[in-house]
């Protein structure tokens, strides 16, 4: 009996040792996820509180300069374009030892918006990569090239951006730019070409702005223009977008087309 009790104690001790060993990765996983989620919540709170020290400590945004980021936060406070409550964590997933993907929901202007943030471990700190954040509703985003070979014969100034790219249905081409005029206007010229000229061809050009949470939102009046059939392999008449949200804010021309392998190109000007 004594030998059996000793055997039983050894079995129990071994079982506890294995349980503790297997529990370590789970504990580490939970701590990493919790830390990454906290950074996302701290990031939202920093924007809400104009806390730039915390903002720079818990986040990074390659899409905007510090000046543009501060102008955006200031404008959102002035316009009261801030979440009605802290974001809700929907899910979190570890990609590797240095990255956690955090999906959140937040309410802005009465609308629920979903954002997915990569959170990176840098120097033992979890940093929210706002520049690579994704809104699932955006679909397949293509970033425009910085230059084009075709230059519009219409002369305007100042030219602040040239764009080009090839896309198809269910994709959006984005060309980022910043305006500096007090009238909050931007003028766009465009050109498109596709393998054929079907009767159902259309191209939509609109303007969006990047809010402080890395989320692209529609802006402007008109917010978009639609080209049916005309303008294939030719420049279309310059279109001025007015009442844009503000100067020194990260904007983007967004182009959508109805036919695959459509190439678009054009110029963006500061003002009308």
C-alpha atoms as a PDB file:
ATOM      1  CA  UNK A   1       0.000   0.000   0.000  1.00  0.00           C
ATOM      2  CA  UNK A   2       2.838   2.358   0.870  1.00  0.00           C
ATOM      3  CA  UNK A   3       4.423   1.692  -2.551  1.00  0.00           C
ATOM      4  CA  UNK A   4       1.101   2.409  -4.260  1.00  0.00           C
ATOM      5  CA  UNK A   5       0.759   5.727  -2.415  1.00  0.00           C
ATOM      6  CA  UNK A   6       4.282   6.706  -3.485  1.00  0.00           C
ATOM      7  CA  UNK A   7       3.450   5.798  -7.088  1.00  0.00           C
ATOM      8  CA  UNK A   8       0.214   7.818  -6.928  1.00  0.00           C
ATOM      9  CA  UNK A   9       2.080  10.845  -5.583  1.00  0.00           C
ATOM     10  CA  UNK A  10       4.570  10.594  -8.446  1.00  0.00           C
ATOM     11  CA  UNK A  11       1.777  10.415 -11.006  1.00  0.00           C
ATOM     12  CA  UNK A  12      -0.006  13.433  -9.487  1.00  0.00           C
ATOM     13  CA  UNK A  13       3.237  15.419  -9.325  1.00  0.00           C
ATOM     14  CA  UNK A  14       4.009  14.601 -12.977  1.00  0.00           C
ATOM     15  CA  UNK A  15       0.489  15.561 -14.025  1.00  0.00           C
ATOM     16  CA  UNK A  16       0.732  18.900 -12.231  1.00  0.00           C
ATOM     17  CA  UNK A  17       4.125  19.574 -13.792  1.00  0.00           C
ATOM     18  CA  UNK A  18       2.794  18.886 -17.306  1.00  0.00           C
ATOM     19  CA  UNK A  19      -0.294  21.016 -16.647  1.00  0.00           C
ATOM     20  CA  UNK A  20       1.806  23.954 -15.466  1.00  0.00           C
ATOM     21  CA  UNK A  21       4.166  23.602 -18.422  1.00  0.00           C
ATOM     22  CA  UNK A  22       1.325  23.527 -20.918  1.00  0.00           C
ATOM     23  CA  UNK A  23      -0.317  26.471 -19.193  1.00  0.00           C
ATOM     24  CA  UNK A  24       2.652  28.773 -19.733  1.00  0.00           C
ATOM     25  CA  UNK A  25       2.055  29.405 -23.474  1.00  0.00           C
ATOM     26  CA  UNK A  26      -1.636  30.063 -22.784  1.00  0.00           C
ATOM     27  CA  UNK A  27      -0.736  32.553 -20.089  1.00  0.00           C
ATOM     28  CA  UNK A  28       1.820  34.260 -22.323  1.00  0.00           C
ATOM     29  CA  UNK A  29      -0.715  34.365 -25.166  1.00  0.00           C
ATOM     30  CA  UNK A  30      -3.324  35.961 -22.903  1.00  0.00           C
ATOM     31  CA  UNK A  31      -0.866  38.554 -21.626  1.00  0.00           C
ATOM     32  CA  UNK A  32       0.262  39.500 -25.139  1.00  0.00           C
ATOM     33  CA  UNK A  33      -3.305  39.880 -26.359  1.00  0.00           C
ATOM     34  CA  UNK A  34      -4.284  41.889 -23.300  1.00  0.00           C
ATOM     35  CA  UNK A  35      -1.299  44.225 -23.729  1.00  0.00           C
ATOM     36  CA  UNK A  36      -2.016  44.735 -27.442  1.00  0.00           C
ATOM     37  CA  UNK A  37      -5.682  45.450 -26.767  1.00  0.00           C
ATOM     38  CA  UNK A  38      -4.733  47.955 -24.067  1.00  0.00           C
ATOM     39  CA  UNK A  39      -2.548  49.824 -26.560  1.00  0.00           C
ATOM     40  CA  UNK A  40      -5.512  50.121 -28.939  1.00  0.00           C
ATOM     41  CA  UNK A  41      -7.743  51.428 -26.154  1.00  0.00           C
ATOM     42  CA  UNK A  42      -5.002  53.837 -25.040  1.00  0.00           C
ATOM     43  CA  UNK A  43      -4.668  55.044 -28.636  1.00  0.00           C
ATOM     44  CA  UNK A  44      -8.383  55.905 -28.861  1.00  0.00           C
ATOM     45  CA  UNK A  45      -8.266  57.582 -25.449  1.00  0.00           C
ATOM     46  CA  UNK A  46      -5.232  59.644 -26.484  1.00  0.00           C
ATOM     47  CA  UNK A  47      -7.093  61.016 -29.517  1.00  0.00           C
ATOM     48  CA  UNK A  48     -10.126  61.730 -27.343  1.00  0.00           C
ATOM     49  CA  UNK A  49      -8.026  63.582 -24.760  1.00  0.00           C
ATOM     50  CA  UNK A  50      -5.585  65.386 -27.067  1.00  0.00           C
ATOM     51  CA  UNK A  51      -2.835  63.437 -25.309  1.00  0.00           C
ATOM     52  CA  UNK A  52      -0.003  63.538 -27.843  1.00  0.00           C
ATOM     53  CA  UNK A  53       2.548  62.030 -25.458  1.00  0.00           C
ATOM     54  CA  UNK A  54       0.497  58.870 -25.091  1.00  0.00           C
ATOM     55  CA  UNK A  55      -0.357  58.939 -28.790  1.00  0.00           C
ATOM     56  CA  UNK A  56       3.306  58.915 -29.806  1.00  0.00           C
ATOM     57  CA  UNK A  57       4.071  56.220 -27.238  1.00  0.00           C
ATOM     58  CA  UNK A  58       1.391  53.702 -28.269  1.00  0.00           C
ATOM     59  CA  UNK A  59       0.945  54.330 -32.010  1.00  0.00           C
ATOM     60  CA  UNK A  60       2.652  55.077 -35.310  1.00  0.00           C
ATOM     61  CA  UNK A  61       1.103  56.279 -38.575  1.00  0.00           C
ATOM     62  CA  UNK A  62       3.197  56.225 -41.744  1.00  0.00           C
ATOM     63  CA  UNK A  63       0.344  57.793 -43.742  1.00  0.00           C
ATOM     64  CA  UNK A  64       0.568  61.221 -42.140  1.00  0.00           C
ATOM     65  CA  UNK A  65       3.100  63.658 -40.745  1.00  0.00           C
ATOM     66  CA  UNK A  66       2.943  64.864 -37.164  1.00  0.00           C
ATOM     67  CA  UNK A  67       1.576  68.201 -38.420  1.00  0.00           C
ATOM     68  CA  UNK A  68      -1.236  66.531 -40.356  1.00  0.00           C
ATOM     69  CA  UNK A  69      -2.049  64.223 -37.449  1.00  0.00           C
ATOM     70  CA  UNK A  70      -2.363  67.150 -35.038  1.00  0.00           C
ATOM     71  CA  UNK A  71      -4.470  69.129 -37.538  1.00  0.00           C
ATOM     72  CA  UNK A  72      -6.780  66.150 -37.972  1.00  0.00           C
ATOM     73  CA  UNK A  73      -7.286  65.636 -34.240  1.00  0.00           C
ATOM     74  CA  UNK A  74      -7.852  69.363 -33.722  1.00  0.00           C
ATOM     75  CA  UNK A  75     -10.436  69.463 -36.518  1.00  0.00           C
ATOM     76  CA  UNK A  76     -12.288  66.409 -35.234  1.00  0.00           C
ATOM     77  CA  UNK A  77     -12.542  68.018 -31.814  1.00  0.00           C
ATOM     78  CA  UNK A  78     -13.810  71.263 -33.344  1.00  0.00           C
ATOM     79  CA  UNK A  79     -16.418  69.405 -35.402  1.00  0.00           C
ATOM     80  CA  UNK A  80     -17.161  66.990 -32.545  1.00  0.00           C
ATOM     81  CA  UNK A  81     -16.358  64.048 -34.808  1.00  0.00           C
ATOM     82  CA  UNK A  82     -15.356  61.808 -31.925  1.00  0.00           C
ATOM     83  CA  UNK A  83     -16.589  58.370 -30.849  1.00  0.00           C
ATOM     84  CA  UNK A  84     -19.583  58.429 -28.564  1.00  0.00           C
ATOM     85  CA  UNK A  85     -17.942  55.847 -26.293  1.00  0.00           C
ATOM     86  CA  UNK A  86     -14.693  53.839 -26.081  1.00  0.00           C
ATOM     87  CA  UNK A  87     -14.267  51.228 -28.822  1.00  0.00           C
ATOM     88  CA  UNK A  88     -15.427  47.662 -28.317  1.00  0.00           C
ATOM     89  CA  UNK A  89     -12.874  44.897 -28.823  1.00  0.00           C
ATOM     90  CA  UNK A  90     -14.460  42.371 -31.195  1.00  0.00           C
ATOM     91  CA  UNK A  91     -11.594  39.930 -31.557  1.00  0.00           C
ATOM     92  CA  UNK A  92      -7.828  39.579 -31.228  1.00  0.00           C
ATOM     93  CA  UNK A  93      -5.486  37.141 -32.907  1.00  0.00           C
ATOM     94  CA  UNK A  94      -1.755  36.567 -32.569  1.00  0.00           C
ATOM     95  CA  UNK A  95      -0.066  36.448 -35.987  1.00  0.00           C
ATOM     96  CA  UNK A  96       3.403  35.764 -34.655  1.00  0.00           C
ATOM     97  CA  UNK A  97       5.392  36.507 -31.518  1.00  0.00           C
ATOM     98  CA  UNK A  98       5.670  40.178 -32.500  1.00  0.00           C
ATOM     99  CA  UNK A  99       2.194  41.003 -33.826  1.00  0.00           C
ATOM    100  CA  UNK A 100      -1.407  40.855 -32.671  1.00  0.00           C
ATOM    101  CA  UNK A 101      -4.344  41.757 -34.931  1.00  0.00           C
ATOM    102  CA  UNK A 102      -7.043  43.603 -32.984  1.00  0.00           C
ATOM    103  CA  UNK A 103     -10.509  44.150 -34.459  1.00  0.00           C
ATOM    104  CA  UNK A 104     -12.642  46.889 -32.887  1.00  0.00           C
ATOM    105  CA  UNK A 105     -16.011  48.553 -33.331  1.00  0.00           C
ATOM    106  CA  UNK A 106     -16.579  52.241 -32.668  1.00  0.00           C
ATOM    107  CA  UNK A 107     -19.457  54.658 -33.187  1.00  0.00           C
ATOM    108  CA  UNK A 108     -18.763  57.868 -35.110  1.00  0.00           C
ATOM    109  CA  UNK A 109     -21.479  60.324 -36.162  1.00  0.00           C
ATOM    110  CA  UNK A 110     -24.100  57.728 -35.262  1.00  0.00           C
ATOM    111  CA  UNK A 111     -22.559  55.064 -37.516  1.00  0.00           C
ATOM    112  CA  UNK A 112     -20.864  51.881 -36.384  1.00  0.00           C
ATOM    113  CA  UNK A 113     -17.446  51.512 -37.981  1.00  0.00           C
ATOM    114  CA  UNK A 114     -15.183  48.474 -37.885  1.00  0.00           C
ATOM    115  CA  UNK A 115     -11.395  48.766 -37.879  1.00  0.00           C
ATOM    116  CA  UNK A 116      -8.653  46.144 -37.844  1.00  0.00           C
ATOM    117  CA  UNK A 117      -5.343  47.240 -36.324  1.00  0.00           C
ATOM    118  CA  UNK A 118      -1.990  45.456 -36.528  1.00  0.00           C
ATOM    119  CA  UNK A 119      -0.316  45.911 -33.135  1.00  0.00           C
ATOM    120  CA  UNK A 120       3.446  45.336 -33.168  1.00  0.00           C
ATOM    121  CA  UNK A 121       5.861  44.505 -30.368  1.00  0.00           C
ATOM    122  CA  UNK A 122       8.688  47.055 -30.579  1.00  0.00           C
ATOM    123  CA  UNK A 123      11.298  47.266 -27.824  1.00  0.00           C
ATOM    124  CA  UNK A 124       8.956  45.378 -25.496  1.00  0.00           C
ATOM    125  CA  UNK A 125       6.134  47.840 -26.161  1.00  0.00           C
ATOM    126  CA  UNK A 126       2.956  47.134 -28.096  1.00  0.00           C
ATOM    127  CA  UNK A 127       2.563  49.796 -30.812  1.00  0.00           C
ATOM    128  CA  UNK A 128      -0.627  50.315 -32.863  1.00  0.00           C
ATOM    129  CA  UNK A 129       0.256  50.482 -36.565  1.00  0.00           C
ATOM    130  CA  UNK A 130      -2.417  52.997 -37.575  1.00  0.00           C
ATOM    131  CA  UNK A 131      -0.971  53.452 -41.077  1.00  0.00           C
ATOM    132  CA  UNK A 132      -1.736  49.839 -41.973  1.00  0.00           C
ATOM    133  CA  UNK A 133      -5.130  49.708 -40.259  1.00  0.00           C
ATOM    134  CA  UNK A 134      -7.984  48.399 -42.418  1.00  0.00           C
ATOM    135  CA  UNK A 135     -11.690  49.046 -42.604  1.00  0.00           C
ATOM    136  CA  UNK A 136     -13.127  45.772 -44.035  1.00  0.00           C
ATOM    137  CA  UNK A 137     -15.774  47.721 -45.967  1.00  0.00           C
ATOM    138  CA  UNK A 138     -13.059  49.351 -48.081  1.00  0.00           C
ATOM    139  CA  UNK A 139     -12.486  46.102 -49.963  1.00  0.00           C
ATOM    140  CA  UNK A 140      -9.410  45.704 -52.153  1.00  0.00           C
ATOM    141  CA  UNK A 141      -7.437  48.953 -52.013  1.00  0.00           C
ATOM    142  CA  UNK A 142      -4.754  49.797 -54.600  1.00  0.00           C
ATOM    143  CA  UNK A 143      -2.428  52.689 -53.843  1.00  0.00           C
ATOM    144  CA  UNK A 144      -1.763  54.895 -56.860  1.00  0.00           C
ATOM    145  CA  UNK A 145       1.663  55.346 -58.346  1.00  0.00           C
ATOM    146  CA  UNK A 146       3.273  58.705 -57.644  1.00  0.00           C
ATOM    147  CA  UNK A 147       3.696  59.767 -61.279  1.00  0.00           C
ATOM    148  CA  UNK A 148       2.147  59.344 -64.697  1.00  0.00           C
ATOM    149  CA  UNK A 149       3.493  59.397 -68.230  1.00  0.00           C
ATOM    150  CA  UNK A 150       0.462  61.179 -69.681  1.00  0.00           C
ATOM    151  CA  UNK A 151       0.253  64.860 -68.725  1.00  0.00           C
ATOM    152  CA  UNK A 152      -2.944  66.800 -69.276  1.00  0.00           C
ATOM    153  CA  UNK A 153      -2.653  69.688 -71.725  1.00  0.00           C
ATOM    154  CA  UNK A 154      -4.708  71.857 -69.361  1.00  0.00           C
ATOM    155  CA  UNK A 155      -2.311  74.033 -67.338  1.00  0.00           C
ATOM    156  CA  UNK A 156      -3.243  74.716 -63.741  1.00  0.00           C
ATOM    157  CA  UNK A 157      -1.267  75.428 -60.587  1.00  0.00           C
ATOM    158  CA  UNK A 158      -0.174  74.434 -58.133  1.00  0.00           C
ATOM    159  CA  UNK A 159       0.034  70.765 -59.091  1.00  0.00           C
ATOM    160  CA  UNK A 160       0.244  68.748 -55.862  1.00  0.00           C
ATOM    161  CA  UNK A 161      -0.124  65.162 -57.059  1.00  0.00           C
ATOM    162  CA  UNK A 162      -0.107  62.979 -60.143  1.00  0.00           C
ATOM    163  CA  UNK A 163      -1.640  59.531 -59.989  1.00  0.00           C
ATOM    164  CA  UNK A 164      -1.941  56.383 -62.079  1.00  0.00           C
ATOM    165  CA  UNK A 165      -2.940  52.767 -61.622  1.00  0.00           C
ATOM    166  CA  UNK A 166      -4.838  49.795 -63.034  1.00  0.00           C
ATOM    167  CA  UNK A 167      -7.878  48.348 -61.329  1.00  0.00           C
ATOM    168  CA  UNK A 168     -11.152  46.536 -61.835  1.00  0.00           C
ATOM    169  CA  UNK A 169     -14.581  46.143 -60.234  1.00  0.00           C
ATOM    170  CA  UNK A 170     -14.625  45.665 -56.434  1.00  0.00           C
ATOM    171  CA  UNK A 171     -11.341  47.555 -56.169  1.00  0.00           C
ATOM    172  CA  UNK A 172     -10.611  51.158 -55.237  1.00  0.00           C
ATOM    173  CA  UNK A 173      -7.601  53.193 -56.306  1.00  0.00           C
ATOM    174  CA  UNK A 174      -6.422  55.734 -53.724  1.00  0.00           C
ATOM    175  CA  UNK A 175      -4.124  58.686 -54.359  1.00  0.00           C
ATOM    176  CA  UNK A 176      -3.270  60.598 -51.211  1.00  0.00           C
ATOM    177  CA  UNK A 177      -2.758  64.374 -51.129  1.00  0.00           C
ATOM    178  CA  UNK A 178      -2.983  67.395 -48.813  1.00  0.00           C
ATOM    179  CA  UNK A 179      -4.429  70.795 -49.722  1.00  0.00           C
ATOM    180  CA  UNK A 180      -3.250  74.087 -48.212  1.00  0.00           C
ATOM    181  CA  UNK A 181      -5.784  76.612 -49.582  1.00  0.00           C
ATOM    182  CA  UNK A 182      -8.272  78.279 -47.233  1.00  0.00           C
ATOM    183  CA  UNK A 183     -11.152  77.664 -49.663  1.00  0.00           C
ATOM    184  CA  UNK A 184     -10.879  73.900 -49.013  1.00  0.00           C
ATOM    185  CA  UNK A 185     -10.976  73.016 -52.712  1.00  0.00           C
ATOM    186  CA  UNK A 186      -9.139  70.546 -54.931  1.00  0.00           C
ATOM    187  CA  UNK A 187      -9.346  70.166 -58.694  1.00  0.00           C
ATOM    188  CA  UNK A 188      -8.876  66.815 -60.408  1.00  0.00           C
ATOM    189  CA  UNK A 189      -8.288  65.918 -64.042  1.00  0.00           C
ATOM    190  CA  UNK A 190      -8.587  62.337 -65.154  1.00  0.00           C
ATOM    191  CA  UNK A 191      -8.053  59.882 -67.950  1.00  0.00           C
ATOM    192  CA  UNK A 192      -9.019  56.230 -68.245  1.00  0.00           C
ATOM    193  CA  UNK A 193      -8.469  53.420 -70.693  1.00  0.00           C
ATOM    194  CA  UNK A 194      -9.752  49.836 -70.714  1.00  0.00           C
ATOM    195  CA  UNK A 195      -9.259  46.873 -73.090  1.00  0.00           C
ATOM    196  CA  UNK A 196     -12.656  47.523 -74.669  1.00  0.00           C
ATOM    197  CA  UNK A 197     -15.285  50.262 -74.607  1.00  0.00           C
ATOM    198  CA  UNK A 198     -18.427  48.481 -73.381  1.00  0.00           C
ATOM    199  CA  UNK A 199     -21.700  50.342 -73.114  1.00  0.00           C
ATOM    200  CA  UNK A 200     -21.789  49.707 -69.377  1.00  0.00           C
ATOM    201  CA  UNK A 201     -18.443  51.347 -68.599  1.00  0.00           C
ATOM    202  CA  UNK A 202     -18.420  53.814 -65.726  1.00  0.00           C
ATOM    203  CA  UNK A 203     -15.798  55.461 -63.567  1.00  0.00           C
ATOM    204  CA  UNK A 204     -16.506  57.152 -60.228  1.00  0.00           C
ATOM    205  CA  UNK A 205     -14.131  59.725 -58.736  1.00  0.00           C
ATOM    206  CA  UNK A 206     -14.575  60.819 -55.120  1.00  0.00           C
ATOM    207  CA  UNK A 207     -12.654  62.389 -52.246  1.00  0.00           C
ATOM    208  CA  UNK A 208     -12.094  60.818 -48.821  1.00  0.00           C
ATOM    209  CA  UNK A 209     -10.229  61.981 -45.752  1.00  0.00           C
ATOM    210  CA  UNK A 210      -8.212  59.985 -43.240  1.00  0.00           C
ATOM    211  CA  UNK A 211      -9.542  60.471 -39.730  1.00  0.00           C
ATOM    212  CA  UNK A 212      -7.412  60.226 -36.599  1.00  0.00           C
ATOM    213  CA  UNK A 213      -8.224  56.516 -36.254  1.00  0.00           C
ATOM    214  CA  UNK A 214      -6.777  55.553 -39.639  1.00  0.00           C
ATOM    215  CA  UNK A 215     -10.247  55.230 -41.130  1.00  0.00           C
ATOM    216  CA  UNK A 216     -11.004  56.717 -44.578  1.00  0.00           C
ATOM    217  CA  UNK A 217     -14.286  58.644 -44.716  1.00  0.00           C
ATOM    218  CA  UNK A 218     -16.116  60.345 -47.567  1.00  0.00           C
ATOM    219  CA  UNK A 219     -16.046  64.134 -47.726  1.00  0.00           C
ATOM    220  CA  UNK A 220     -16.636  67.009 -50.115  1.00  0.00           C
ATOM    221  CA  UNK A 221     -19.456  68.545 -52.101  1.00  0.00           C
ATOM    222  CA  UNK A 222     -19.884  67.070 -54.590  1.00  0.00           C
ATOM    223  CA  UNK A 223     -18.547  63.928 -52.917  1.00  0.00           C
ATOM    224  CA  UNK A 224     -18.034  62.196 -56.254  1.00  0.00           C
ATOM    225  CA  UNK A 225     -18.479  62.473 -60.005  1.00  0.00           C
ATOM    226  CA  UNK A 226     -19.542  59.688 -62.323  1.00  0.00           C
ATOM    227  CA  UNK A 227     -18.371  59.293 -65.907  1.00  0.00           C
ATOM    228  CA  UNK A 228     -20.431  57.107 -68.244  1.00  0.00           C
ATOM    229  CA  UNK A 229     -18.761  55.916 -71.459  1.00  0.00           C
ATOM    230  CA  UNK A 230     -17.277  59.293 -72.352  1.00  0.00           C
ATOM    231  CA  UNK A 231     -13.655  60.051 -71.672  1.00  0.00           C
ATOM    232  CA  UNK A 232     -12.311  56.658 -72.743  1.00  0.00           C
ATOM    233  CA  UNK A 233      -8.702  57.137 -73.905  1.00  0.00           C
ATOM    234  CA  UNK A 234      -9.093  60.872 -73.449  1.00  0.00           C
ATOM    235  CA  UNK A 235      -8.886  63.473 -70.693  1.00  0.00           C
ATOM    236  CA  UNK A 236     -12.141  64.585 -69.098  1.00  0.00           C
ATOM    237  CA  UNK A 237     -12.941  68.124 -68.113  1.00  0.00           C
ATOM    238  CA  UNK A 238     -11.361  69.265 -64.820  1.00  0.00           C
ATOM    239  CA  UNK A 239     -13.633  68.744 -61.824  1.00  0.00           C
ATOM    240  CA  UNK A 240     -13.359  70.889 -58.695  1.00  0.00           C
ATOM    241  CA  UNK A 241     -14.274  69.349 -55.348  1.00  0.00           C
ATOM    242  CA  UNK A 242     -15.350  71.990 -52.844  1.00  0.00           C
ATOM    243  CA  UNK A 243     -16.193  72.096 -49.151  1.00  0.00           C
ATOM    244  CA  UNK A 244     -13.529  69.540 -48.347  1.00  0.00           C
ATOM    245  CA  UNK A 245     -13.141  68.933 -44.635  1.00  0.00           C
ATOM    246  CA  UNK A 246     -10.113  71.194 -44.219  1.00  0.00           C
ATOM    247  CA  UNK A 247      -6.591  72.100 -45.226  1.00  0.00           C
ATOM    248  CA  UNK A 248      -3.555  70.218 -43.946  1.00  0.00           C
ATOM    249  CA  UNK A 249      -5.725  67.107 -43.595  1.00  0.00           C
ATOM    250  CA  UNK A 250      -4.809  63.839 -45.315  1.00  0.00           C
ATOM    251  CA  UNK A 251      -7.144  63.469 -48.294  1.00  0.00           C
ATOM    252  CA  UNK A 252      -7.292  60.913 -51.061  1.00  0.00           C
ATOM    253  CA  UNK A 253      -8.820  60.705 -54.504  1.00  0.00           C
ATOM    254  CA  UNK A 254     -10.752  57.432 -54.715  1.00  0.00           C
ATOM    255  CA  UNK A 255     -11.445  55.917 -58.132  1.00  0.00           C
ATOM    256  CA  UNK A 256     -13.787  53.019 -58.862  1.00  0.00           C
ATOM    257  CA  UNK A 257     -14.491  51.491 -62.282  1.00  0.00           C
ATOM    258  CA  UNK A 258     -16.889  48.924 -63.728  1.00  0.00           C
ATOM    259  CA  UNK A 259     -14.532  47.109 -66.145  1.00  0.00           C
ATOM    260  CA  UNK A 260     -11.500  44.955 -65.365  1.00  0.00           C
ATOM    261  CA  UNK A 261      -7.986  46.096 -66.285  1.00  0.00           C
ATOM    262  CA  UNK A 262      -8.972  49.753 -66.530  1.00  0.00           C
ATOM    263  CA  UNK A 263      -6.024  52.139 -66.331  1.00  0.00           C
ATOM    264  CA  UNK A 264      -6.655  55.542 -64.806  1.00  0.00           C
ATOM    265  CA  UNK A 265      -4.340  58.528 -64.493  1.00  0.00           C
ATOM    266  CA  UNK A 266      -4.512  62.220 -63.806  1.00  0.00           C
ATOM    267  CA  UNK A 267      -3.492  65.280 -61.881  1.00  0.00           C
ATOM    268  CA  UNK A 268      -4.606  66.821 -58.583  1.00  0.00           C
ATOM    269  CA  UNK A 269      -4.352  70.568 -58.006  1.00  0.00           C
ATOM    270  CA  UNK A 270      -4.471  72.669 -54.840  1.00  0.00           C
ATOM    271  CA  UNK A 271      -7.530  74.903 -55.312  1.00  0.00           C
ATOM    272  CA  UNK A 272      -9.850  75.490 -58.270  1.00  0.00           C
END
